[in-house]
Amino acid sequence: MRMRLSYLAATAATLLACTNAWADEVQVAVAANFTTPIQAIAKDFEKDTGHKLVASFGATGQFYAQINNGAPFEVFLAADDSTPAKLEQEKQTVAGSRFTYAIGTLALWSAKPGYVDAQGEVLKTNDYKHLSIANPKTAPYGLAATQVLAKLNLTEATKGKLVEGQNITQAFQFVSTGNAELGFVALSQIYKDGKVENGSAWIVPSSLHDPIRQDAVILNKGKDNPAAKAFIDYLRGPKATAVIKSYGYQI
């Protein structure tokens, strides 16, 4: 009996060693708007595949500069489609790996219930001191916010009220802490399972800005990492897709 237990223990240890040998780690650069969804997806990915996902969050434009400067990212989840396409043209990505993993939605949000009306008319009242947006030069959601203001002929009226965050996370923080009465954020930051979780919001019609197509791509540094391909495949699968949709993204 003791010999059988020893054999079983040795077999289990061997299987564990093999599992660990098969498991790899993947370094992923993630657009700030996708912070909460990727945290949920990463847990499922690690549980289902055994691979480990290490995520860094920031503005898409900043990640582009870091990738050009040799940052160790193996997969890039951008907040637009143009930056991954540019990296692809520059031969910095694995051919055929780029695809749109989500289409983002912009929202005008206030931490105060009832402050933002369902049509966003609050923007035109001029009865606020600060309007938070992400840096339009580096963050696609910030660029979309400026396009909305231009379409509504509010660029000049809001110029002195704008507070810029380095990325969409910081733009959200300005509003959540009360440093800005309202701001343009990613719907995914305030939305879960079909409803805005707190405060008040106007879900901006997509017709008021260019589509926020968010592309994913394997970078050259991830070319030989099985976990990089496994993650991209997983991101396209039903489990990840369900999580993405639950945060208000389109697929």
C-alpha atoms as a PDB file:
ATOM      1  CA  MET A   1       0.000   0.000   0.000  1.00  0.00           C
ATOM      2  CA  ARG A   2       2.836   2.351   0.914  1.00  0.00           C
ATOM      3  CA  MET A   3       4.554   1.604  -2.382  1.00  0.00           C
ATOM      4  CA  ARG A   4       1.325   2.372  -4.269  1.00  0.00           C
ATOM      5  CA  LEU A   5       0.930   5.720  -2.447  1.00  0.00           C
ATOM      6  CA  SER A   6       4.551   6.592  -3.224  1.00  0.00           C
ATOM      7  CA  TYR A   7       3.944   5.726  -6.876  1.00  0.00           C
ATOM      8  CA  LEU A   8       0.812   7.900  -6.993  1.00  0.00           C
ATOM      9  CA  ALA A   9       2.641  10.790  -5.340  1.00  0.00           C
ATOM     10  CA  ALA A  10       5.492  10.493  -7.810  1.00  0.00           C
ATOM     11  CA  THR A  11       3.038  10.379 -10.729  1.00  0.00           C
ATOM     12  CA  ALA A  12       1.218  13.469  -9.444  1.00  0.00           C
ATOM     13  CA  ALA A  13       4.519  15.314  -9.060  1.00  0.00           C
ATOM     14  CA  THR A  14       5.502  14.357 -12.607  1.00  0.00           C
ATOM     15  CA  LEU A  15       2.182  15.547 -13.992  1.00  0.00           C
ATOM     16  CA  LEU A  16       2.508  18.814 -12.055  1.00  0.00           C
ATOM     17  CA  ALA A  17       6.014  19.316 -13.403  1.00  0.00           C
ATOM     18  CA  CYS A  18       4.772  18.683 -16.943  1.00  0.00           C
ATOM     19  CA  THR A  19       1.896  21.117 -16.470  1.00  0.00           C
ATOM     20  CA  ASN A  20       4.298  23.772 -15.227  1.00  0.00           C
ATOM     21  CA  ALA A  21       6.615  23.054 -18.139  1.00  0.00           C
ATOM     22  CA  TRP A  22       3.761  23.594 -20.585  1.00  0.00           C
ATOM     23  CA  ALA A  23       2.584  26.791 -18.902  1.00  0.00           C
ATOM     24  CA  ASP A  24       4.037  30.082 -20.086  1.00  0.00           C
ATOM     25  CA  GLU A  25       3.700  33.744 -19.168  1.00  0.00           C
ATOM     26  CA  VAL A  26       2.540  36.426 -21.604  1.00  0.00           C
ATOM     27  CA  GLN A  27       3.211  40.155 -21.228  1.00  0.00           C
ATOM     28  CA  VAL A  28       0.220  42.164 -22.489  1.00  0.00           C
ATOM     29  CA  ALA A  29      -0.049  45.932 -23.044  1.00  0.00           C
ATOM     30  CA  VAL A  30      -3.701  46.830 -22.442  1.00  0.00           C
ATOM     31  CA  ALA A  31      -5.500  50.069 -23.290  1.00  0.00           C
ATOM     32  CA  ALA A  32      -6.713  51.676 -20.059  1.00  0.00           C
ATOM     33  CA  ASN A  33     -10.401  51.470 -20.997  1.00  0.00           C
ATOM     34  CA  PHE A  34     -10.149  47.672 -20.994  1.00  0.00           C
ATOM     35  CA  THR A  35      -8.707  47.363 -17.468  1.00  0.00           C
ATOM     36  CA  THR A  36     -11.705  45.775 -15.734  1.00  0.00           C
ATOM     37  CA  PRO A  37     -12.695  43.378 -18.537  1.00  0.00           C
ATOM     38  CA  ILE A  38      -9.150  42.043 -18.960  1.00  0.00           C
ATOM     39  CA  GLN A  39      -8.859  41.378 -15.229  1.00  0.00           C
ATOM     40  CA  ALA A  40     -11.925  39.147 -15.447  1.00  0.00           C
ATOM     41  CA  ILE A  41     -10.747  37.509 -18.678  1.00  0.00           C
ATOM     42  CA  ALA A  42      -7.242  36.905 -17.266  1.00  0.00           C
ATOM     43  CA  LYS A  43      -8.634  34.860 -14.357  1.00  0.00           C
ATOM     44  CA  ASP A  44     -10.564  32.592 -16.715  1.00  0.00           C
ATOM     45  CA  PHE A  45      -7.631  32.379 -19.144  1.00  0.00           C
ATOM     46  CA  GLU A  46      -5.204  31.325 -16.407  1.00  0.00           C
ATOM     47  CA  LYS A  47      -7.656  28.807 -14.959  1.00  0.00           C
ATOM     48  CA  ASP A  48      -8.551  27.302 -18.337  1.00  0.00           C
ATOM     49  CA  THR A  49      -5.098  27.215 -19.962  1.00  0.00           C
ATOM     50  CA  GLY A  50      -2.564  27.239 -17.127  1.00  0.00           C
ATOM     51  CA  HIS A  51      -0.753  30.177 -18.746  1.00  0.00           C
ATOM     52  CA  LYS A  52      -0.158  33.379 -16.772  1.00  0.00           C
ATOM     53  CA  LEU A  53      -1.131  36.816 -18.092  1.00  0.00           C
ATOM     54  CA  VAL A  54       0.794  39.875 -16.923  1.00  0.00           C
ATOM     55  CA  ALA A  55      -1.008  43.078 -17.924  1.00  0.00           C
ATOM     56  CA  SER A  56       0.219  46.673 -18.084  1.00  0.00           C
ATOM     57  CA  PHE A  57      -2.334  49.463 -18.507  1.00  0.00           C
ATOM     58  CA  GLY A  58      -2.006  52.830 -20.228  1.00  0.00           C
ATOM     59  CA  ALA A  59      -2.759  55.046 -23.207  1.00  0.00           C
ATOM     60  CA  THR A  60      -2.445  53.503 -26.661  1.00  0.00           C
ATOM     61  CA  GLY A  61      -0.155  56.251 -27.964  1.00  0.00           C
ATOM     62  CA  GLN A  62       2.183  55.845 -25.003  1.00  0.00           C
ATOM     63  CA  PHE A  63       2.341  52.081 -25.558  1.00  0.00           C
ATOM     64  CA  TYR A  64       3.244  52.668 -29.205  1.00  0.00           C
ATOM     65  CA  ALA A  65       6.242  54.759 -28.114  1.00  0.00           C
ATOM     66  CA  GLN A  66       7.258  52.149 -25.524  1.00  0.00           C
ATOM     67  CA  ILE A  67       7.049  49.308 -28.049  1.00  0.00           C
ATOM     68  CA  ASN A  68       9.260  51.290 -30.407  1.00  0.00           C
ATOM     69  CA  ASN A  69      11.726  51.727 -27.552  1.00  0.00           C
ATOM     70  CA  GLY A  70      11.958  47.982 -26.926  1.00  0.00           C
ATOM     71  CA  ALA A  71       9.368  47.407 -24.191  1.00  0.00           C
ATOM     72  CA  PRO A  72       8.963  43.656 -23.477  1.00  0.00           C
ATOM     73  CA  PHE A  73       5.306  43.410 -24.508  1.00  0.00           C
ATOM     74  CA  GLU A  74       4.265  40.332 -26.466  1.00  0.00           C
ATOM     75  CA  VAL A  75       0.616  41.168 -27.118  1.00  0.00           C
ATOM     76  CA  PHE A  76      -0.980  44.597 -27.577  1.00  0.00           C
ATOM     77  CA  LEU A  77      -4.649  45.343 -26.896  1.00  0.00           C
ATOM     78  CA  ALA A  78      -5.073  48.858 -28.263  1.00  0.00           C
ATOM     79  CA  ALA A  79      -7.939  51.344 -27.947  1.00  0.00           C
ATOM     80  CA  ASP A  80      -7.948  51.891 -31.716  1.00  0.00           C
ATOM     81  CA  ASP A  81      -7.254  50.005 -34.925  1.00  0.00           C
ATOM     82  CA  SER A  82      -4.808  52.466 -36.472  1.00  0.00           C
ATOM     83  CA  THR A  83      -1.952  51.947 -33.987  1.00  0.00           C
ATOM     84  CA  PRO A  84      -1.793  48.135 -34.371  1.00  0.00           C
ATOM     85  CA  ALA A  85      -2.102  48.624 -38.158  1.00  0.00           C
ATOM     86  CA  LYS A  86       0.845  51.024 -38.041  1.00  0.00           C
ATOM     87  CA  LEU A  87       2.917  48.517 -36.064  1.00  0.00           C
ATOM     88  CA  GLU A  88       1.941  45.884 -38.619  1.00  0.00           C
ATOM     89  CA  GLN A  89       3.139  48.098 -41.488  1.00  0.00           C
ATOM     90  CA  GLU A  90       6.404  48.617 -39.601  1.00  0.00           C
ATOM     91  CA  LYS A  91       6.894  44.823 -39.404  1.00  0.00           C
ATOM     92  CA  GLN A  92       6.670  44.826 -35.611  1.00  0.00           C
ATOM     93  CA  THR A  93       3.852  42.272 -35.389  1.00  0.00           C
ATOM     94  CA  VAL A  94       3.202  38.629 -36.199  1.00  0.00           C
ATOM     95  CA  ALA A  95       1.565  38.441 -39.623  1.00  0.00           C
ATOM     96  CA  GLY A  96      -2.130  37.549 -39.561  1.00  0.00           C
ATOM     97  CA  SER A  97      -2.553  38.005 -35.798  1.00  0.00           C
ATOM     98  CA  ARG A  98      -4.369  41.375 -35.796  1.00  0.00           C
ATOM     99  CA  PHE A  99      -8.146  41.472 -35.262  1.00  0.00           C
ATOM    100  CA  THR A 100     -10.826  43.690 -33.693  1.00  0.00           C
ATOM    101  CA  TYR A 101     -11.567  42.371 -30.214  1.00  0.00           C
ATOM    102  CA  ALA A 102     -14.061  45.108 -29.224  1.00  0.00           C
ATOM    103  CA  ILE A 103     -15.789  48.249 -30.450  1.00  0.00           C
ATOM    104  CA  GLY A 104     -15.810  50.817 -27.682  1.00  0.00           C
ATOM    105  CA  THR A 105     -18.597  53.138 -26.557  1.00  0.00           C
ATOM    106  CA  LEU A 106     -18.083  56.653 -25.214  1.00  0.00           C
ATOM    107  CA  ALA A 107     -20.154  58.007 -22.320  1.00  0.00           C
ATOM    108  CA  LEU A 108     -20.572  61.396 -20.666  1.00  0.00           C
ATOM    109  CA  TRP A 109     -20.603  60.617 -16.949  1.00  0.00           C
ATOM    110  CA  SER A 110     -20.970  62.302 -13.580  1.00  0.00           C
ATOM    111  CA  ALA A 111     -20.527  60.679 -10.189  1.00  0.00           C
ATOM    112  CA  LYS A 112     -23.643  62.605  -9.120  1.00  0.00           C
ATOM    113  CA  PRO A 113     -26.961  60.817  -9.684  1.00  0.00           C
ATOM    114  CA  GLY A 114     -29.287  62.834 -11.907  1.00  0.00           C
ATOM    115  CA  TYR A 115     -26.590  65.310 -12.986  1.00  0.00           C
ATOM    116  CA  VAL A 116     -26.209  64.049 -16.564  1.00  0.00           C
ATOM    117  CA  ASP A 117     -29.453  63.720 -18.524  1.00  0.00           C
ATOM    118  CA  ALA A 118     -30.161  60.952 -21.021  1.00  0.00           C
ATOM    119  CA  GLN A 119     -29.567  63.253 -24.021  1.00  0.00           C
ATOM    120  CA  GLY A 120     -26.393  64.953 -22.769  1.00  0.00           C
ATOM    121  CA  GLU A 121     -28.033  68.389 -22.752  1.00  0.00           C
ATOM    122  CA  VAL A 122     -26.044  69.213 -19.609  1.00  0.00           C
ATOM    123  CA  LEU A 123     -23.077  69.898 -21.902  1.00  0.00           C
ATOM    124  CA  LYS A 124     -24.874  72.859 -23.443  1.00  0.00           C
ATOM    125  CA  THR A 125     -25.942  74.495 -20.157  1.00  0.00           C
ATOM    126  CA  ASN A 126     -22.409  75.685 -19.404  1.00  0.00           C
ATOM    127  CA  ASP A 127     -23.338  75.194 -15.749  1.00  0.00           C
ATOM    128  CA  TYR A 128     -20.171  73.314 -14.786  1.00  0.00           C
ATOM    129  CA  LYS A 129     -16.557  74.270 -14.152  1.00  0.00           C
ATOM    130  CA  HIS A 130     -14.651  71.218 -15.346  1.00  0.00           C
ATOM    131  CA  LEU A 131     -15.112  68.666 -18.122  1.00  0.00           C
ATOM    132  CA  SER A 132     -12.717  65.733 -17.998  1.00  0.00           C
ATOM    133  CA  ILE A 133     -11.356  64.020 -21.126  1.00  0.00           C
ATOM    134  CA  ALA A 134      -8.395  61.771 -21.902  1.00  0.00           C
ATOM    135  CA  ASN A 135      -5.472  63.252 -23.810  1.00  0.00           C
ATOM    136  CA  PRO A 136      -6.705  63.216 -27.439  1.00  0.00           C
ATOM    137  CA  LYS A 137      -3.139  62.925 -28.755  1.00  0.00           C
ATOM    138  CA  THR A 138      -2.479  59.567 -27.087  1.00  0.00           C
ATOM    139  CA  ALA A 139      -5.884  58.178 -26.075  1.00  0.00           C
ATOM    140  CA  PRO A 140      -8.490  57.289 -28.739  1.00  0.00           C
ATOM    141  CA  TYR A 141     -11.357  57.891 -26.303  1.00  0.00           C
ATOM    142  CA  GLY A 142     -10.019  61.417 -25.766  1.00  0.00           C
ATOM    143  CA  LEU A 143      -9.936  61.970 -29.518  1.00  0.00           C
ATOM    144  CA  ALA A 144     -13.512  60.726 -29.774  1.00  0.00           C
ATOM    145  CA  ALA A 145     -14.541  63.186 -27.027  1.00  0.00           C
ATOM    146  CA  THR A 146     -13.120  66.124 -28.997  1.00  0.00           C
ATOM    147  CA  GLN A 147     -14.979  64.914 -32.092  1.00  0.00           C
ATOM    148  CA  VAL A 148     -18.247  64.911 -30.115  1.00  0.00           C
ATOM    149  CA  LEU A 149     -17.651  68.462 -28.896  1.00  0.00           C
ATOM    150  CA  ALA A 150     -16.916  69.580 -32.452  1.00  0.00           C
ATOM    151  CA  LYS A 151     -20.077  67.911 -33.805  1.00  0.00           C
ATOM    152  CA  LEU A 152     -22.134  69.662 -31.115  1.00  0.00           C
ATOM    153  CA  ASN A 153     -20.411  73.015 -31.820  1.00  0.00           C
ATOM    154  CA  LEU A 154     -19.122  73.117 -28.246  1.00  0.00           C
ATOM    155  CA  THR A 155     -15.353  73.177 -28.873  1.00  0.00           C
ATOM    156  CA  GLU A 156     -14.940  76.875 -28.084  1.00  0.00           C
ATOM    157  CA  ALA A 157     -17.485  76.922 -25.248  1.00  0.00           C
ATOM    158  CA  THR A 158     -15.716  74.093 -23.395  1.00  0.00           C
ATOM    159  CA  LYS A 159     -12.091  75.007 -24.140  1.00  0.00           C
ATOM    160  CA  GLY A 160     -11.481  76.664 -20.765  1.00  0.00           C
ATOM    161  CA  LYS A 161     -13.231  73.883 -18.873  1.00  0.00           C
ATOM    162  CA  LEU A 162     -11.305  70.859 -20.155  1.00  0.00           C
ATOM    163  CA  VAL A 163      -9.234  68.804 -17.726  1.00  0.00           C
ATOM    164  CA  GLU A 164      -7.043  66.267 -19.520  1.00  0.00           C
ATOM    165  CA  GLY A 165      -6.059  62.910 -18.100  1.00  0.00           C
ATOM    166  CA  GLN A 166      -3.027  61.054 -19.427  1.00  0.00           C
ATOM    167  CA  ASN A 167      -5.363  58.191 -20.286  1.00  0.00           C
ATOM    168  CA  ILE A 168      -9.019  57.261 -19.885  1.00  0.00           C
ATOM    169  CA  THR A 169      -8.412  55.904 -16.370  1.00  0.00           C
ATOM    170  CA  GLN A 170      -7.174  59.270 -15.168  1.00  0.00           C
ATOM    171  CA  ALA A 171     -10.045  61.042 -16.947  1.00  0.00           C
ATOM    172  CA  PHE A 172     -12.431  58.767 -15.058  1.00  0.00           C
ATOM    173  CA  GLN A 173     -10.642  59.445 -11.757  1.00  0.00           C
ATOM    174  CA  PHE A 174     -11.045  63.204 -12.158  1.00  0.00           C
ATOM    175  CA  VAL A 175     -14.809  62.700 -12.238  1.00  0.00           C
ATOM    176  CA  SER A 176     -15.051  59.961  -9.599  1.00  0.00           C
ATOM    177  CA  THR A 177     -13.113  62.080  -7.089  1.00  0.00           C
ATOM    178  CA  GLY A 178     -15.199  65.195  -7.776  1.00  0.00           C
ATOM    179  CA  ASN A 179     -12.359  67.203  -9.326  1.00  0.00           C
ATOM    180  CA  ALA A 180     -14.536  67.475 -12.437  1.00  0.00           C
ATOM    181  CA  GLU A 181     -18.325  67.588 -12.368  1.00  0.00           C
ATOM    182  CA  LEU A 182     -18.552  65.466 -15.483  1.00  0.00           C
ATOM    183  CA  GLY A 183     -16.372  63.898 -18.135  1.00  0.00           C
ATOM    184  CA  PHE A 184     -16.125  61.683 -21.175  1.00  0.00           C
ATOM    185  CA  VAL A 185     -15.221  58.131 -20.140  1.00  0.00           C
ATOM    186  CA  ALA A 186     -15.354  54.663 -21.624  1.00  0.00           C
ATOM    187  CA  LEU A 187     -18.765  53.098 -21.038  1.00  0.00           C
ATOM    188  CA  SER A 188     -16.963  49.978 -19.784  1.00  0.00           C
ATOM    189  CA  GLN A 189     -15.721  51.948 -16.753  1.00  0.00           C
ATOM    190  CA  ILE A 190     -19.230  52.615 -15.451  1.00  0.00           C
ATOM    191  CA  TYR A 191     -21.301  49.804 -16.957  1.00  0.00           C
ATOM    192  CA  LYS A 192     -21.891  46.160 -16.078  1.00  0.00           C
ATOM    193  CA  ASP A 193     -24.505  43.655 -17.162  1.00  0.00           C
ATOM    194  CA  GLY A 194     -26.791  46.079 -18.960  1.00  0.00           C
ATOM    195  CA  LYS A 195     -26.783  49.096 -16.662  1.00  0.00           C
ATOM    196  CA  VAL A 196     -24.768  52.092 -15.462  1.00  0.00           C
ATOM    197  CA  GLU A 197     -23.590  51.082 -11.997  1.00  0.00           C
ATOM    198  CA  ASN A 198     -23.482  54.519 -10.343  1.00  0.00           C
ATOM    199  CA  GLY A 199     -23.847  58.232 -10.946  1.00  0.00           C
ATOM    200  CA  SER A 200     -25.571  59.411 -14.132  1.00  0.00           C
ATOM    201  CA  ALA A 201     -24.598  59.111 -17.768  1.00  0.00           C
ATOM    202  CA  TRP A 202     -25.378  59.820 -21.388  1.00  0.00           C
ATOM    203  CA  ILE A 203     -24.320  57.019 -23.715  1.00  0.00           C
ATOM    204  CA  VAL A 204     -22.935  58.981 -26.656  1.00  0.00           C
ATOM    205  CA  PRO A 205     -24.362  57.985 -30.064  1.00  0.00           C
ATOM    206  CA  SER A 206     -21.668  56.456 -32.254  1.00  0.00           C
ATOM    207  CA  SER A 207     -22.666  58.831 -35.050  1.00  0.00           C
ATOM    208  CA  LEU A 208     -21.012  61.710 -33.169  1.00  0.00           C
ATOM    209  CA  HIS A 209     -17.463  60.323 -33.468  1.00  0.00           C
ATOM    210  CA  ASP A 210     -15.335  57.952 -35.490  1.00  0.00           C
ATOM    211  CA  PRO A 211     -15.810  54.263 -34.592  1.00  0.00           C
ATOM    212  CA  ILE A 212     -13.634  53.177 -31.666  1.00  0.00           C
ATOM    213  CA  ARG A 213     -12.467  49.885 -33.147  1.00  0.00           C
ATOM    214  CA  GLN A 214     -10.060  48.249 -30.720  1.00  0.00           C
ATOM    215  CA  ASP A 215      -7.569  45.861 -32.282  1.00  0.00           C
ATOM    216  CA  ALA A 216      -5.379  43.213 -30.700  1.00  0.00           C
ATOM    217  CA  VAL A 217      -2.143  41.932 -32.190  1.00  0.00           C
ATOM    218  CA  ILE A 218       0.773  39.662 -31.317  1.00  0.00           C
ATOM    219  CA  LEU A 219       4.009  41.637 -31.302  1.00  0.00           C
ATOM    220  CA  ASN A 220       7.292  40.224 -32.572  1.00  0.00           C
ATOM    221  CA  LYS A 221       8.483  39.584 -29.018  1.00  0.00           C
ATOM    222  CA  GLY A 222       5.595  37.113 -28.618  1.00  0.00           C
ATOM    223  CA  LYS A 223       6.242  35.263 -31.871  1.00  0.00           C
ATOM    224  CA  ASP A 224       7.671  32.149 -30.212  1.00  0.00           C
ATOM    225  CA  ASN A 225       5.621  32.266 -27.002  1.00  0.00           C
ATOM    226  CA  PRO A 226       2.801  29.683 -26.992  1.00  0.00           C
ATOM    227  CA  ALA A 227       0.989  31.716 -24.319  1.00  0.00           C
ATOM    228  CA  ALA A 228       0.739  34.717 -26.652  1.00  0.00           C
ATOM    229  CA  LYS A 229      -1.093  32.741 -29.342  1.00  0.00           C
ATOM    230  CA  ALA A 230      -3.161  30.938 -26.697  1.00  0.00           C
ATOM    231  CA  PHE A 231      -4.287  34.276 -25.283  1.00  0.00           C
ATOM    232  CA  ILE A 232      -5.242  35.725 -28.681  1.00  0.00           C
ATOM    233  CA  ASP A 233      -7.220  32.553 -29.426  1.00  0.00           C
ATOM    234  CA  TYR A 234      -8.876  32.747 -26.011  1.00  0.00           C
ATOM    235  CA  LEU A 235      -9.795  36.409 -26.537  1.00  0.00           C
ATOM    236  CA  ARG A 236     -11.753  35.388 -29.627  1.00  0.00           C
ATOM    237  CA  GLY A 237     -13.569  32.595 -27.808  1.00  0.00           C
ATOM    238  CA  PRO A 238     -17.063  32.525 -26.278  1.00  0.00           C
ATOM    239  CA  LYS A 239     -16.038  33.037 -22.627  1.00  0.00           C
ATOM    240  CA  ALA A 240     -14.022  36.192 -23.306  1.00  0.00           C
ATOM    241  CA  THR A 241     -16.623  37.492 -25.768  1.00  0.00           C
ATOM    242  CA  ALA A 242     -19.347  37.203 -23.112  1.00  0.00           C
ATOM    243  CA  VAL A 243     -17.242  39.206 -20.645  1.00  0.00           C
ATOM    244  CA  ILE A 244     -16.476  41.886 -23.251  1.00  0.00           C
ATOM    245  CA  LYS A 245     -20.159  42.316 -24.136  1.00  0.00           C
ATOM    246  CA  SER A 246     -21.143  42.522 -20.462  1.00  0.00           C
ATOM    247  CA  TYR A 247     -19.121  45.741 -20.169  1.00  0.00           C
ATOM    248  CA  GLY A 248     -21.007  47.457 -22.981  1.00  0.00           C
ATOM    249  CA  TYR A 249     -18.637  46.804 -25.881  1.00  0.00           C
ATOM    250  CA  GLN A 250     -19.793  45.653 -29.276  1.00  0.00           C
ATOM    251  CA  ILE A 251     -17.996  42.772 -30.996  1.00  0.00           C
END
